[in-house]
PDB file of N, CA and C in Angstrom:
ATOM      1  N   MET A   1      -9.283  77.685 -32.163  1.00  0.00           N
ATOM      2  CA  MET A   1     -10.245  78.521 -32.861  1.00  0.00           C
ATOM      3  C   MET A   1      -9.658  79.038 -34.174  1.00  0.00           C
ATOM      4  N   ASN A   2      -8.370  79.339 -34.153  1.00  0.00           N
ATOM      5  CA  ASN A   2      -7.714  79.832 -35.354  1.00  0.00           C
ATOM      6  C   ASN A   2      -7.740  78.775 -36.457  1.00  0.00           C
ATOM      7  N   LYS A   3      -7.589  77.501 -36.084  1.00  0.00           N
ATOM      8  CA  LYS A   3      -7.603  76.416 -37.062  1.00  0.00           C
ATOM      9  C   LYS A   3      -8.994  76.283 -37.691  1.00  0.00           C
ATOM     10  N   VAL A   4     -10.041  76.436 -36.886  1.00  0.00           N
ATOM     11  CA  VAL A   4     -11.410  76.359 -37.395  1.00  0.00           C
ATOM     12  C   VAL A   4     -11.660  77.488 -38.392  1.00  0.00           C
ATOM     13  N   TYR A   5     -11.233  78.680 -38.056  1.00  0.00           N
ATOM     14  CA  TYR A   5     -11.399  79.836 -38.934  1.00  0.00           C
ATOM     15  C   TYR A   5     -10.663  79.613 -40.253  1.00  0.00           C
ATOM     16  N   ASN A   6      -9.461  79.078 -40.169  1.00  0.00           N
ATOM     17  CA  ASN A   6      -8.672  78.799 -41.374  1.00  0.00           C
ATOM     18  C   ASN A   6      -9.377  77.782 -42.257  1.00  0.00           C
ATOM     19  N   VAL A   7      -9.902  76.722 -41.664  1.00  0.00           N
ATOM     20  CA  VAL A   7     -10.601  75.691 -42.434  1.00  0.00           C
ATOM     21  C   VAL A   7     -11.851  76.278 -43.093  1.00  0.00           C
ATOM     22  N   LEU A   8     -12.600  77.100 -42.359  1.00  0.00           N
ATOM     23  CA  LEU A   8     -13.808  77.702 -42.935  1.00  0.00           C
ATOM     24  C   LEU A   8     -13.476  78.618 -44.111  1.00  0.00           C
ATOM     25  N   LEU A   9     -12.425  79.413 -43.979  1.00  0.00           N
ATOM     26  CA  LEU A   9     -12.021  80.279 -45.090  1.00  0.00           C
ATOM     27  C   LEU A   9     -11.552  79.454 -46.287  1.00  0.00           C
ATOM     28  N   ARG A  10     -10.874  78.370 -46.019  1.00  0.00           N
ATOM     29  CA  ARG A  10     -10.428  77.512 -47.119  1.00  0.00           C
ATOM     30  C   ARG A  10     -11.608  76.838 -47.808  1.00  0.00           C
ATOM     31  N   ILE A  11     -12.646  76.492 -47.048  1.00  0.00           N
ATOM     32  CA  ILE A  11     -13.848  75.912 -47.649  1.00  0.00           C
ATOM     33  C   ILE A  11     -14.537  76.932 -48.551  1.00  0.00           C
ATOM     34  N   VAL A  12     -14.616  78.183 -48.109  1.00  0.00           N
ATOM     35  CA  VAL A  12     -15.181  79.240 -48.952  1.00  0.00           C
ATOM     36  C   VAL A  12     -14.353  79.388 -50.228  1.00  0.00           C
ATOM     37  N   SER A  13     -13.038  79.303 -50.095  1.00  0.00           N
ATOM     38  CA  SER A  13     -12.161  79.399 -51.261  1.00  0.00           C
ATOM     39  C   SER A  13     -12.377  78.238 -52.223  1.00  0.00           C
ATOM     40  N   VAL A  14     -12.580  77.052 -51.690  1.00  0.00           N
ATOM     41  CA  VAL A  14     -12.851  75.883 -52.531  1.00  0.00           C
ATOM     42  C   VAL A  14     -14.132  76.101 -53.324  1.00  0.00           C
ATOM     43  N   PHE A  15     -15.168  76.609 -52.651  1.00  0.00           N
ATOM     44  CA  PHE A  15     -16.439  76.878 -53.328  1.00  0.00           C
ATOM     45  C   PHE A  15     -16.237  77.876 -54.456  1.00  0.00           C
ATOM     46  N   ALA A  16     -15.537  78.972 -54.155  1.00  0.00           N
ATOM     47  CA  ALA A  16     -15.319  80.014 -55.162  1.00  0.00           C
ATOM     48  C   ALA A  16     -14.493  79.500 -56.339  1.00  0.00           C
ATOM     49  N   ALA A  17     -13.395  78.833 -56.063  1.00  0.00           N
ATOM     50  CA  ALA A  17     -12.523  78.363 -57.136  1.00  0.00           C
ATOM     51  C   ALA A  17     -13.220  77.331 -58.017  1.00  0.00           C
ATOM     52  N   SER A  18     -13.933  76.413 -57.409  1.00  0.00           N
ATOM     53  CA  SER A  18     -14.613  75.377 -58.187  1.00  0.00           C
ATOM     54  C   SER A  18     -15.827  75.939 -58.918  1.00  0.00           C
ATOM     55  N   GLY A  19     -16.542  76.821 -58.266  1.00  0.00           N
ATOM     56  CA  GLY A  19     -17.728  77.411 -58.890  1.00  0.00           C
ATOM     57  C   GLY A  19     -17.380  78.298 -60.064  1.00  0.00           C
ATOM     58  N   LEU A  20     -16.367  79.118 -59.917  1.00  0.00           N
ATOM     59  CA  LEU A  20     -16.000  80.036 -60.991  1.00  0.00           C
ATOM     60  C   LEU A  20     -15.409  79.324 -62.197  1.00  0.00           C
ATOM     61  N   SER A  21     -14.867  78.143 -61.985  1.00  0.00           N
ATOM     62  CA  SER A  21     -14.242  77.425 -63.096  1.00  0.00           C
ATOM     63  C   SER A  21     -15.253  76.854 -64.084  1.00  0.00           C
ATOM     64  N   VAL A  22     -16.543  76.828 -63.757  1.00  0.00           N
ATOM     65  CA  VAL A  22     -17.537  76.215 -64.641  1.00  0.00           C
ATOM     66  C   VAL A  22     -18.490  77.219 -65.267  1.00  0.00           C
ATOM     67  N   ILE A  23     -18.215  78.485 -65.128  1.00  0.00           N
ATOM     68  CA  ILE A  23     -19.139  79.487 -65.674  1.00  0.00           C
ATOM     69  C   ILE A  23     -19.325  79.295 -67.179  1.00  0.00           C
ATOM     70  N   GLY A  24     -18.255  79.168 -67.910  1.00  0.00           N
ATOM     71  CA  GLY A  24     -18.359  78.970 -69.352  1.00  0.00           C
ATOM     72  C   GLY A  24     -18.977  77.639 -69.723  1.00  0.00           C
ATOM     73  N   ALA A  25     -18.617  76.596 -68.987  1.00  0.00           N
ATOM     74  CA  ALA A  25     -19.132  75.260 -69.288  1.00  0.00           C
ATOM     75  C   ALA A  25     -20.640  75.191 -69.091  1.00  0.00           C
ATOM     76  N   GLY A  26     -21.143  75.868 -68.095  1.00  0.00           N
ATOM     77  CA  GLY A  26     -22.588  75.879 -67.859  1.00  0.00           C
ATOM     78  C   GLY A  26     -23.335  76.533 -69.011  1.00  0.00           C
ATOM     79  N   ALA A  27     -22.786  77.613 -69.536  1.00  0.00           N
ATOM     80  CA  ALA A  27     -23.427  78.301 -70.646  1.00  0.00           C
ATOM     81  C   ALA A  27     -23.453  77.427 -71.897  1.00  0.00           C
ATOM     82  N   VAL A  28     -22.381  76.710 -72.136  1.00  0.00           N
ATOM     83  CA  VAL A  28     -22.313  75.832 -73.308  1.00  0.00           C
ATOM     84  C   VAL A  28     -23.313  74.690 -73.178  1.00  0.00           C
ATOM     85  N   ALA A  29     -23.489  74.171 -71.967  1.00  0.00           N
ATOM     86  CA  ALA A  29     -24.375  73.025 -71.749  1.00  0.00           C
ATOM     87  C   ALA A  29     -25.839  73.432 -71.593  1.00  0.00           C
ATOM     88  N   GLY A  30     -26.124  74.718 -71.601  1.00  0.00           N
ATOM     89  CA  GLY A  30     -27.501  75.178 -71.478  1.00  0.00           C
ATOM     90  C   GLY A  30     -28.014  75.212 -70.051  1.00  0.00           C
ATOM     91  N   ILE A  31     -27.112  75.253 -69.087  1.00  0.00           N
ATOM     92  CA  ILE A  31     -27.477  75.324 -67.671  1.00  0.00           C
ATOM     93  C   ILE A  31     -27.270  76.759 -67.210  1.00  0.00           C
ATOM     94  N   SER A  32     -28.159  77.246 -66.366  1.00  0.00           N
ATOM     95  CA  SER A  32     -27.999  78.618 -65.888  1.00  0.00           C
ATOM     96  C   SER A  32     -26.677  78.761 -65.138  1.00  0.00           C
ATOM     97  N   THR A  33     -26.100  79.947 -65.234  1.00  0.00           N
ATOM     98  CA  THR A  33     -24.800  80.197 -64.601  1.00  0.00           C
ATOM     99  C   THR A  33     -24.869  79.971 -63.104  1.00  0.00           C
ATOM    100  N   LEU A  34     -25.905  80.472 -62.462  1.00  0.00           N
ATOM    101  CA  LEU A  34     -26.035  80.318 -61.011  1.00  0.00           C
ATOM    102  C   LEU A  34     -26.111  78.846 -60.606  1.00  0.00           C
ATOM    103  N   LYS A  35     -26.870  78.069 -61.364  1.00  0.00           N
ATOM    104  CA  LYS A  35     -27.007  76.644 -61.048  1.00  0.00           C
ATOM    105  C   LYS A  35     -25.675  75.912 -61.244  1.00  0.00           C
ATOM    106  N   ALA A  36     -24.959  76.227 -62.329  1.00  0.00           N
ATOM    107  CA  ALA A  36     -23.676  75.576 -62.596  1.00  0.00           C
ATOM    108  C   ALA A  36     -22.659  75.901 -61.511  1.00  0.00           C
ATOM    109  N   VAL A  37     -22.588  77.169 -61.110  1.00  0.00           N
ATOM    110  CA  VAL A  37     -21.650  77.581 -60.060  1.00  0.00           C
ATOM    111  C   VAL A  37     -22.004  76.909 -58.741  1.00  0.00           C
ATOM    112  N   THR A  38     -23.286  76.883 -58.402  1.00  0.00           N
ATOM    113  CA  THR A  38     -23.729  76.290 -57.137  1.00  0.00           C
ATOM    114  C   THR A  38     -23.422  74.796 -57.080  1.00  0.00           C
ATOM    115  N   VAL A  39     -23.738  74.082 -58.135  1.00  0.00           N
ATOM    116  CA  VAL A  39     -23.504  72.634 -58.144  1.00  0.00           C
ATOM    117  C   VAL A  39     -22.008  72.329 -58.063  1.00  0.00           C
ATOM    118  N   ALA A  40     -21.207  73.028 -58.853  1.00  0.00           N
ATOM    119  CA  ALA A  40     -19.761  72.781 -58.833  1.00  0.00           C
ATOM    120  C   ALA A  40     -19.158  73.128 -57.475  1.00  0.00           C
ATOM    121  N   GLY A  41     -19.568  74.256 -56.909  1.00  0.00           N
ATOM    122  CA  GLY A  41     -19.043  74.666 -55.603  1.00  0.00           C
ATOM    123  C   GLY A  41     -19.431  73.710 -54.498  1.00  0.00           C
ATOM    124  N   LEU A  42     -20.700  73.320 -54.465  1.00  0.00           N
ATOM    125  CA  LEU A  42     -21.158  72.415 -53.408  1.00  0.00           C
ATOM    126  C   LEU A  42     -20.537  71.029 -53.542  1.00  0.00           C
ATOM    127  N   THR A  43     -20.321  70.584 -54.758  1.00  0.00           N
ATOM    128  CA  THR A  43     -19.677  69.285 -54.962  1.00  0.00           C
ATOM    129  C   THR A  43     -18.251  69.297 -54.421  1.00  0.00           C
ATOM    130  N   ALA A  44     -17.524  70.370 -54.703  1.00  0.00           N
ATOM    131  CA  ALA A  44     -16.150  70.477 -54.207  1.00  0.00           C
ATOM    132  C   ALA A  44     -16.114  70.577 -52.688  1.00  0.00           C
ATOM    133  N   VAL A  45     -17.025  71.365 -52.116  1.00  0.00           N
ATOM    134  CA  VAL A  45     -17.079  71.508 -50.659  1.00  0.00           C
ATOM    135  C   VAL A  45     -17.424  70.170 -50.008  1.00  0.00           C
ATOM    136  N   ALA A  46     -18.362  69.439 -50.599  1.00  0.00           N
ATOM    137  CA  ALA A  46     -18.739  68.130 -50.046  1.00  0.00           C
ATOM    138  C   ALA A  46     -17.554  67.164 -50.060  1.00  0.00           C
ATOM    139  N   THR A  47     -16.738  67.220 -51.092  1.00  0.00           N
ATOM    140  CA  THR A  47     -15.554  66.370 -51.168  1.00  0.00           C
ATOM    141  C   THR A  47     -14.586  66.671 -50.029  1.00  0.00           C
ATOM    142  N   VAL A  48     -14.356  67.958 -49.781  1.00  0.00           N
ATOM    143  CA  VAL A  48     -13.437  68.370 -48.714  1.00  0.00           C
ATOM    144  C   VAL A  48     -14.001  67.984 -47.346  1.00  0.00           C
ATOM    145  N   VAL A  49     -15.279  68.267 -47.118  1.00  0.00           N
ATOM    146  CA  VAL A  49     -15.888  67.966 -45.815  1.00  0.00           C
ATOM    147  C   VAL A  49     -15.884  66.462 -45.559  1.00  0.00           C
ATOM    148  N   GLU A  50     -16.144  65.663 -46.592  1.00  0.00           N
ATOM    149  CA  GLU A  50     -16.095  64.209 -46.420  1.00  0.00           C
ATOM    150  C   GLU A  50     -14.690  63.760 -46.027  1.00  0.00           C
ATOM    151  N   LYS A  51     -13.685  64.278 -46.698  1.00  0.00           N
ATOM    152  CA  LYS A  51     -12.298  63.901 -46.399  1.00  0.00           C
ATOM    153  C   LYS A  51     -11.930  64.314 -44.968  1.00  0.00           C
ATOM    154  N   LEU A  52     -12.351  65.505 -44.546  1.00  0.00           N
ATOM    155  CA  LEU A  52     -12.090  65.951 -43.173  1.00  0.00           C
ATOM    156  C   LEU A  52     -12.798  65.050 -42.166  1.00  0.00           C
ATOM    157  N   ALA A  53     -14.038  64.683 -42.467  1.00  0.00           N
ATOM    158  CA  ALA A  53     -14.802  63.823 -41.555  1.00  0.00           C
ATOM    159  C   ALA A  53     -14.159  62.446 -41.423  1.00  0.00           C
ATOM    160  N   ARG A  54     -13.703  61.889 -42.535  1.00  0.00           N
ATOM    161  CA  ARG A  54     -13.061  60.580 -42.482  1.00  0.00           C
ATOM    162  C   ARG A  54     -11.751  60.626 -41.697  1.00  0.00           C
ATOM    163  N   SER A  55     -11.002  61.707 -41.865  1.00  0.00           N
ATOM    164  CA  SER A  55      -9.758  61.855 -41.099  1.00  0.00           C
ATOM    165  C   SER A  55     -10.052  62.003 -39.616  1.00  0.00           C
ATOM    166  N   PHE A  56     -11.108  62.736 -39.275  1.00  0.00           N
ATOM    167  CA  PHE A  56     -11.474  62.917 -37.873  1.00  0.00           C
ATOM    168  C   PHE A  56     -11.956  61.612 -37.258  1.00  0.00           C
ATOM    169  N   MET A  57     -12.707  60.826 -38.022  1.00  0.00           N
ATOM    170  CA  MET A  57     -13.212  59.553 -37.507  1.00  0.00           C
ATOM    171  C   MET A  57     -12.083  58.592 -37.187  1.00  0.00           C
ATOM    172  N   ASP A  58     -10.985  58.703 -37.906  1.00  0.00           N
ATOM    173  CA  ASP A  58      -9.872  57.768 -37.732  1.00  0.00           C
ATOM    174  C   ASP A  58      -9.284  57.835 -36.326  1.00  0.00           C
ATOM    175  N   ASP A  59      -9.009  59.056 -35.820  1.00  0.00           N
ATOM    176  CA  ASP A  59      -8.377  59.168 -34.504  1.00  0.00           C
ATOM    177  C   ASP A  59      -8.984  60.234 -33.596  1.00  0.00           C
ATOM    178  N   GLY A  60     -10.084  60.851 -34.014  1.00  0.00           N
ATOM    179  CA  GLY A  60     -10.765  61.817 -33.171  1.00  0.00           C
ATOM    180  C   GLY A  60     -10.137  63.194 -33.137  1.00  0.00           C
ATOM    181  N   LYS A  61      -9.223  63.468 -34.050  1.00  0.00           N
ATOM    182  CA  LYS A  61      -8.618  64.798 -34.123  1.00  0.00           C
ATOM    183  C   LYS A  61      -8.152  65.058 -35.547  1.00  0.00           C
ATOM    184  N   LEU A  62      -7.972  66.326 -35.848  1.00  0.00           N
ATOM    185  CA  LEU A  62      -7.461  66.732 -37.154  1.00  0.00           C
ATOM    186  C   LEU A  62      -6.169  67.490 -36.956  1.00  0.00           C
ATOM    187  N   ASP A  63      -5.105  67.011 -37.574  1.00  0.00           N
ATOM    188  CA  ASP A  63      -3.867  67.781 -37.514  1.00  0.00           C
ATOM    189  C   ASP A  63      -3.669  68.485 -38.858  1.00  0.00           C
ATOM    190  N   ASP A  64      -2.644  69.306 -38.932  1.00  0.00           N
ATOM    191  CA  ASP A  64      -2.425  70.125 -40.124  1.00  0.00           C
ATOM    192  C   ASP A  64      -2.230  69.284 -41.382  1.00  0.00           C
ATOM    193  N   SER A  65      -1.545  68.165 -41.272  1.00  0.00           N
ATOM    194  CA  SER A  65      -1.312  67.342 -42.463  1.00  0.00           C
ATOM    195  C   SER A  65      -2.619  66.745 -42.986  1.00  0.00           C
ATOM    196  N   GLU A  66      -3.527  66.362 -42.095  1.00  0.00           N
ATOM    197  CA  GLU A  66      -4.821  65.827 -42.516  1.00  0.00           C
ATOM    198  C   GLU A  66      -5.666  66.907 -43.181  1.00  0.00           C
ATOM    199  N   ILE A  67      -5.638  68.106 -42.623  1.00  0.00           N
ATOM    200  CA  ILE A  67      -6.389  69.222 -43.205  1.00  0.00           C
ATOM    201  C   ILE A  67      -5.838  69.551 -44.589  1.00  0.00           C
ATOM    202  N   ASN A  68      -4.520  69.648 -44.701  1.00  0.00           N
ATOM    203  CA  ASN A  68      -3.912  69.953 -45.999  1.00  0.00           C
ATOM    204  C   ASN A  68      -4.196  68.861 -47.016  1.00  0.00           C
ATOM    205  N   ALA A  69      -4.212  67.619 -46.575  1.00  0.00           N
ATOM    206  CA  ALA A  69      -4.502  66.511 -47.490  1.00  0.00           C
ATOM    207  C   ALA A  69      -5.931  66.588 -48.007  1.00  0.00           C
ATOM    208  N   ALA A  70      -6.868  66.969 -47.161  1.00  0.00           N
ATOM    209  CA  ALA A  70      -8.268  67.086 -47.582  1.00  0.00           C
ATOM    210  C   ALA A  70      -8.419  68.157 -48.658  1.00  0.00           C
ATOM    211  N   PHE A  71      -7.737  69.270 -48.479  1.00  0.00           N
ATOM    212  CA  PHE A  71      -7.855  70.349 -49.459  1.00  0.00           C
ATOM    213  C   PHE A  71      -7.044  70.072 -50.713  1.00  0.00           C
ATOM    214  N   SER A  72      -6.024  69.252 -50.630  1.00  0.00           N
ATOM    215  CA  SER A  72      -5.225  68.963 -51.820  1.00  0.00           C
ATOM    216  C   SER A  72      -5.996  68.098 -52.809  1.00  0.00           C
ATOM    217  N   GLN A  73      -7.047  67.416 -52.366  1.00  0.00           N
ATOM    218  CA  GLN A  73      -7.885  66.619 -53.258  1.00  0.00           C
ATOM    219  C   GLN A  73      -8.532  67.492 -54.329  1.00  0.00           C
ATOM    220  N   ILE A  74      -8.836  68.723 -53.976  1.00  0.00           N
ATOM    221  CA  ILE A  74      -9.554  69.618 -54.879  1.00  0.00           C
ATOM    222  C   ILE A  74      -8.624  70.212 -55.921  1.00  0.00           C
ATOM    223  N   ASP A  75      -7.402  70.517 -55.531  1.00  0.00           N
ATOM    224  CA  ASP A  75      -6.444  71.155 -56.433  1.00  0.00           C
ATOM    225  C   ASP A  75      -5.536  70.094 -57.040  1.00  0.00           C
ATOM    226  N   PRO A  76      -5.733  69.756 -58.305  1.00  0.00           N
ATOM    227  CA  PRO A  76      -4.931  68.689 -58.901  1.00  0.00           C
ATOM    228  C   PRO A  76      -3.451  69.051 -59.034  1.00  0.00           C
ATOM    229  N   ASN A  77      -3.109  70.328 -58.921  1.00  0.00           N
ATOM    230  CA  ASN A  77      -1.716  70.751 -59.044  1.00  0.00           C
ATOM    231  C   ASN A  77      -0.994  70.823 -57.709  1.00  0.00           C
ATOM    232  N   SER A  78      -1.700  70.505 -56.627  1.00  0.00           N
ATOM    233  CA  SER A  78      -1.084  70.628 -55.307  1.00  0.00           C
ATOM    234  C   SER A  78      -0.145  69.458 -55.031  1.00  0.00           C
ATOM    235  N   GLU A  79       0.713  69.660 -54.051  1.00  0.00           N
ATOM    236  CA  GLU A  79       1.648  68.611 -53.647  1.00  0.00           C
ATOM    237  C   GLU A  79       0.885  67.513 -52.916  1.00  0.00           C
ATOM    238  N   THR A  80       1.342  66.314 -53.027  1.00  0.00           N
ATOM    239  CA  THR A  80       0.681  65.183 -52.368  1.00  0.00           C
ATOM    240  C   THR A  80       1.471  64.674 -51.170  1.00  0.00           C
ATOM    241  N   VAL A  81       2.449  65.440 -50.734  1.00  0.00           N
ATOM    242  CA  VAL A  81       3.251  65.031 -49.586  1.00  0.00           C
ATOM    243  C   VAL A  81       2.370  64.913 -48.350  1.00  0.00           C
ATOM    244  N   ALA A  82       1.474  65.870 -48.155  1.00  0.00           N
ATOM    245  CA  ALA A  82       0.600  65.842 -46.980  1.00  0.00           C
ATOM    246  C   ALA A  82      -0.266  64.594 -46.981  1.00  0.00           C
ATOM    247  N   GLU A  83      -0.743  64.214 -48.139  1.00  0.00           N
ATOM    248  CA  GLU A  83      -1.578  63.027 -48.212  1.00  0.00           C
ATOM    249  C   GLU A  83      -0.776  61.761 -47.903  1.00  0.00           C
ATOM    250  N   GLN A  84       0.449  61.713 -48.336  1.00  0.00           N
ATOM    251  CA  GLN A  84       1.301  60.567 -48.019  1.00  0.00           C
ATOM    252  C   GLN A  84       1.541  60.471 -46.522  1.00  0.00           C
ATOM    253  N   GLU A  85       1.739  61.616 -45.859  1.00  0.00           N
ATOM    254  CA  GLU A  85       1.934  61.611 -44.406  1.00  0.00           C
ATOM    255  C   GLU A  85       0.696  61.084 -43.694  1.00  0.00           C
ATOM    256  N   VAL A  86      -0.472  61.490 -44.162  1.00  0.00           N
ATOM    257  CA  VAL A  86      -1.721  61.025 -43.551  1.00  0.00           C
ATOM    258  C   VAL A  86      -1.861  59.522 -43.717  1.00  0.00           C
ATOM    259  N   GLU A  87      -1.558  58.995 -44.890  1.00  0.00           N
ATOM    260  CA  GLU A  87      -1.662  57.556 -45.127  1.00  0.00           C
ATOM    261  C   GLU A  87      -0.699  56.774 -44.233  1.00  0.00           C
ATOM    262  N   ILE A  88       0.497  57.306 -44.029  1.00  0.00           N
ATOM    263  CA  ILE A  88       1.466  56.652 -43.140  1.00  0.00           C
ATOM    264  C   ILE A  88       0.924  56.612 -41.713  1.00  0.00           C
ATOM    265  N   LYS A  89       0.337  57.744 -41.260  1.00  0.00           N
ATOM    266  CA  LYS A  89      -0.237  57.788 -39.909  1.00  0.00           C
ATOM    267  C   LYS A  89      -1.397  56.808 -39.769  1.00  0.00           C
ATOM    268  N   LYS A  90      -2.269  56.741 -40.796  1.00  0.00           N
ATOM    269  CA  LYS A  90      -3.408  55.829 -40.738  1.00  0.00           C
ATOM    270  C   LYS A  90      -2.945  54.376 -40.666  1.00  0.00           C
ATOM    271  N   ALA A  91      -1.930  54.048 -41.442  1.00  0.00           N
ATOM    272  CA  ALA A  91      -1.400  52.676 -41.420  1.00  0.00           C
ATOM    273  C   ALA A  91      -0.827  52.346 -40.051  1.00  0.00           C
ATOM    274  N   ALA A  92      -0.133  53.303 -39.447  1.00  0.00           N
ATOM    275  CA  ALA A  92       0.432  53.083 -38.112  1.00  0.00           C
ATOM    276  C   ALA A  92      -0.685  52.911 -37.084  1.00  0.00           C
ATOM    277  N   ASN A  93      -1.743  53.715 -37.185  1.00  0.00           N
ATOM    278  CA  ASN A  93      -2.875  53.603 -36.261  1.00  0.00           C
ATOM    279  C   ASN A  93      -3.554  52.242 -36.385  1.00  0.00           C
ATOM    280  N   LYS A  94      -3.744  51.782 -37.628  1.00  0.00           N
ATOM    281  CA  LYS A  94      -4.377  50.483 -37.834  1.00  0.00           C
ATOM    282  C   LYS A  94      -3.515  49.361 -37.279  1.00  0.00           C
ATOM    283  N   LYS A  95      -2.211  49.468 -37.467  1.00  0.00           N
ATOM    284  CA  LYS A  95      -1.305  48.451 -36.946  1.00  0.00           C
ATOM    285  C   LYS A  95      -1.369  48.417 -35.422  1.00  0.00           C
ATOM    286  N   ASN A  96      -1.411  49.581 -34.797  1.00  0.00           N
ATOM    287  CA  ASN A  96      -1.500  49.641 -33.335  1.00  0.00           C
ATOM    288  C   ASN A  96      -2.802  49.031 -32.842  1.00  0.00           C
ATOM    289  N   LYS A  97      -3.897  49.234 -33.566  1.00  0.00           N
ATOM    290  CA  LYS A  97      -5.183  48.667 -33.164  1.00  0.00           C
ATOM    291  C   LYS A  97      -5.164  47.149 -33.300  1.00  0.00           C
ATOM    292  N   VAL A  98      -4.545  46.651 -34.348  1.00  0.00           N
ATOM    293  CA  VAL A  98      -4.501  45.203 -34.573  1.00  0.00           C
ATOM    294  C   VAL A  98      -3.598  44.533 -33.545  1.00  0.00           C
ATOM    295  N   ASP A  99      -2.492  45.186 -33.187  1.00  0.00           N
ATOM    296  CA  ASP A  99      -1.561  44.621 -32.230  1.00  0.00           C
ATOM    297  C   ASP A  99      -2.064  44.686 -30.780  1.00  0.00           C
ATOM    298  N   ASP A 100      -3.082  45.503 -30.529  1.00  0.00           N
ATOM    299  CA  ASP A 100      -3.611  45.662 -29.178  1.00  0.00           C
ATOM    300  C   ASP A 100      -4.552  44.502 -28.876  1.00  0.00           C
ATOM    301  N   PRO A 101      -4.240  43.642 -27.884  1.00  0.00           N
ATOM    302  CA  PRO A 101      -5.106  42.487 -27.606  1.00  0.00           C
ATOM    303  C   PRO A 101      -6.460  42.897 -27.018  1.00  0.00           C
ATOM    304  N   ASN A 102      -6.568  44.111 -26.487  1.00  0.00           N
ATOM    305  CA  ASN A 102      -7.842  44.570 -25.908  1.00  0.00           C
ATOM    306  C   ASN A 102      -8.740  45.218 -26.954  1.00  0.00           C
ATOM    307  N   TYR A 103      -8.267  45.396 -28.176  1.00  0.00           N
ATOM    308  CA  TYR A 103      -9.059  46.023 -29.236  1.00  0.00           C
ATOM    309  C   TYR A 103     -10.051  45.013 -29.781  1.00  0.00           C
ATOM    310  N   ASN A 104     -11.324  45.421 -29.836  1.00  0.00           N
ATOM    311  CA  ASN A 104     -12.376  44.506 -30.340  1.00  0.00           C
ATOM    312  C   ASN A 104     -12.692  44.841 -31.749  1.00  0.00           C
TER     313      ASN A 104
END
């Protein structure tokens, strides 16, 4: 339950950080501030949720490295170590599926 709460708070943070970053840009482009913030926030949240869903589909669970990798997509200054760990795990999972003669 604690992990779910953490992910939800991080999603709210993604919305806020992405939405607030476009306030000036929306005014310059002639778009209302509320619309610019909403579109930017929802786009960032959708990116994170998609990444989480794809990680969950891979093995039916989310570990901390997969969660951190999903959120690192939004922050271009974040470390990519978590994402590298996820890719290594995915490659190992695919290899295990291919090597399994009962896998269809």
